[in-house]
Amino acid sequence: MSVLDNFDTWKDFLGNRLQQAQNNGMDEGIMSTIAAEIGDYLAANVEPKNDEQRLLADLWHSADENQKQVLANTMINLVKNKNAH
């Protein structure tokens, strides 16, 4: 099973990677840039496997570069807030 098969599993995976990056001293700006690059890659190369991913892909494809960065930052906040609760 891939981490992309289930949205909650995907969020857990992202949250764990975010925590590792923070623990290793990665700057939030760099994390934000990397998140947008991952979004570009996924949108171009990975078929959405569930409704949540389909929505994110649709939003990504309709967004300009600034909006994509906001979506990437929103995903970072989503997994940060999930880990904080």
Protein backbone atom coordinates (compact mmCIF):
# COMPACT_ATOMS: atom_id res chain seq x y z
CA MET A 1 0.00 0.00 0.00
CA SER A 2 1.32 3.42 -0.99
CA VAL A 3 1.16 6.47 1.29
CA LEU A 4 -0.91 8.02 -1.49
CA ASP A 5 -3.70 5.44 -1.26
CA ASN A 6 -5.35 6.96 1.81
CA PHE A 7 -5.54 10.69 2.57
CA ASP A 8 -5.04 10.26 6.33
CA THR A 9 -1.97 8.11 5.67
CA TRP A 10 -0.69 10.81 3.30
CA LYS A 11 -1.18 13.50 5.94
CA ASP A 12 0.61 11.35 8.54
CA PHE A 13 3.50 10.81 6.11
CA LEU A 14 3.74 14.55 5.40
CA GLY A 15 3.54 15.36 9.09
CA ASN A 16 6.37 12.96 9.90
CA ARG A 17 8.57 14.40 7.14
CA LEU A 18 7.79 17.94 8.27
CA GLN A 19 8.75 17.05 11.84
CA GLN A 20 12.02 15.50 10.62
CA ALA A 21 12.82 18.62 8.59
CA GLN A 22 12.12 20.86 11.58
CA ASN A 23 14.21 18.66 13.88
CA ASN A 24 17.09 18.94 11.42
CA GLY A 25 16.84 22.74 11.41
CA MET A 26 15.28 23.25 7.99
CA ASP A 27 14.01 26.79 7.47
CA GLU A 28 10.23 27.18 6.97
CA GLY A 29 10.79 29.06 3.72
CA ILE A 30 12.73 26.12 2.32
CA MET A 31 10.02 23.70 3.49
CA SER A 32 7.43 25.86 1.77
CA THR A 33 9.38 25.86 -1.49
CA ILE A 34 9.87 22.10 -1.34
CA ALA A 35 6.16 21.58 -0.61
CA ALA A 36 5.28 23.53 -3.78
CA GLU A 37 7.78 21.48 -5.80
CA ILE A 38 6.22 18.28 -4.48
CA GLY A 39 2.78 19.63 -5.41
CA ASP A 40 4.01 20.31 -8.95
CA TYR A 41 5.45 16.82 -9.22
CA LEU A 42 2.33 15.11 -7.89
CA ALA A 43 0.02 17.15 -10.11
CA ALA A 44 2.07 16.29 -13.20
CA ASN A 45 2.90 12.65 -12.50
CA VAL A 46 0.53 11.00 -10.03
CA GLU A 47 -3.10 10.11 -10.62
CA PRO A 48 -5.25 11.05 -7.59
CA LYS A 49 -6.34 7.97 -5.66
CA ASN A 50 -9.17 9.44 -3.60
CA ASP A 51 -11.61 12.35 -3.51
CA GLU A 52 -9.36 14.54 -1.36
CA GLN A 53 -6.44 14.13 -3.73
CA ARG A 54 -8.71 14.79 -6.72
CA LEU A 55 -9.82 18.06 -5.11
CA LEU A 56 -6.22 19.09 -4.40
CA ALA A 57 -5.22 18.22 -7.97
CA ASP A 58 -8.11 20.23 -9.39
CA LEU A 59 -7.22 23.20 -7.20
CA TRP A 60 -3.54 22.89 -8.13
CA HIS A 61 -4.26 22.78 -11.87
CA SER A 62 -6.48 25.87 -11.66
CA ALA A 63 -4.07 27.92 -9.50
CA ASP A 64 -1.41 30.39 -10.55
CA GLU A 65 2.08 30.18 -9.02
CA ASN A 66 1.20 32.34 -6.00
CA GLN A 67 -1.93 30.34 -5.31
CA LYS A 68 0.04 27.09 -5.57
CA GLN A 69 2.41 28.39 -2.92
CA VAL A 70 -0.59 29.18 -0.70
CA LEU A 71 -1.95 25.65 -1.24
CA ALA A 72 1.46 24.18 -0.36
CA ASN A 73 1.62 26.30 2.79
CA THR A 74 -1.93 25.29 3.67
CA MET A 75 -0.97 21.61 3.44
CA ILE A 76 1.98 22.31 5.75
CA ASN A 77 -0.36 23.99 8.22
CA LEU A 78 -2.84 21.12 7.95
CA VAL A 79 -0.28 18.53 8.98
CA LYS A 80 1.29 20.83 11.60
CA ASN A 81 -2.09 21.41 13.22
CA LYS A 82 -2.95 17.70 13.08
CA ASN A 83 0.24 16.91 15.00
CA ALA A 84 -0.44 19.69 17.50
CA HIS A 85 -3.83 18.26 18.52
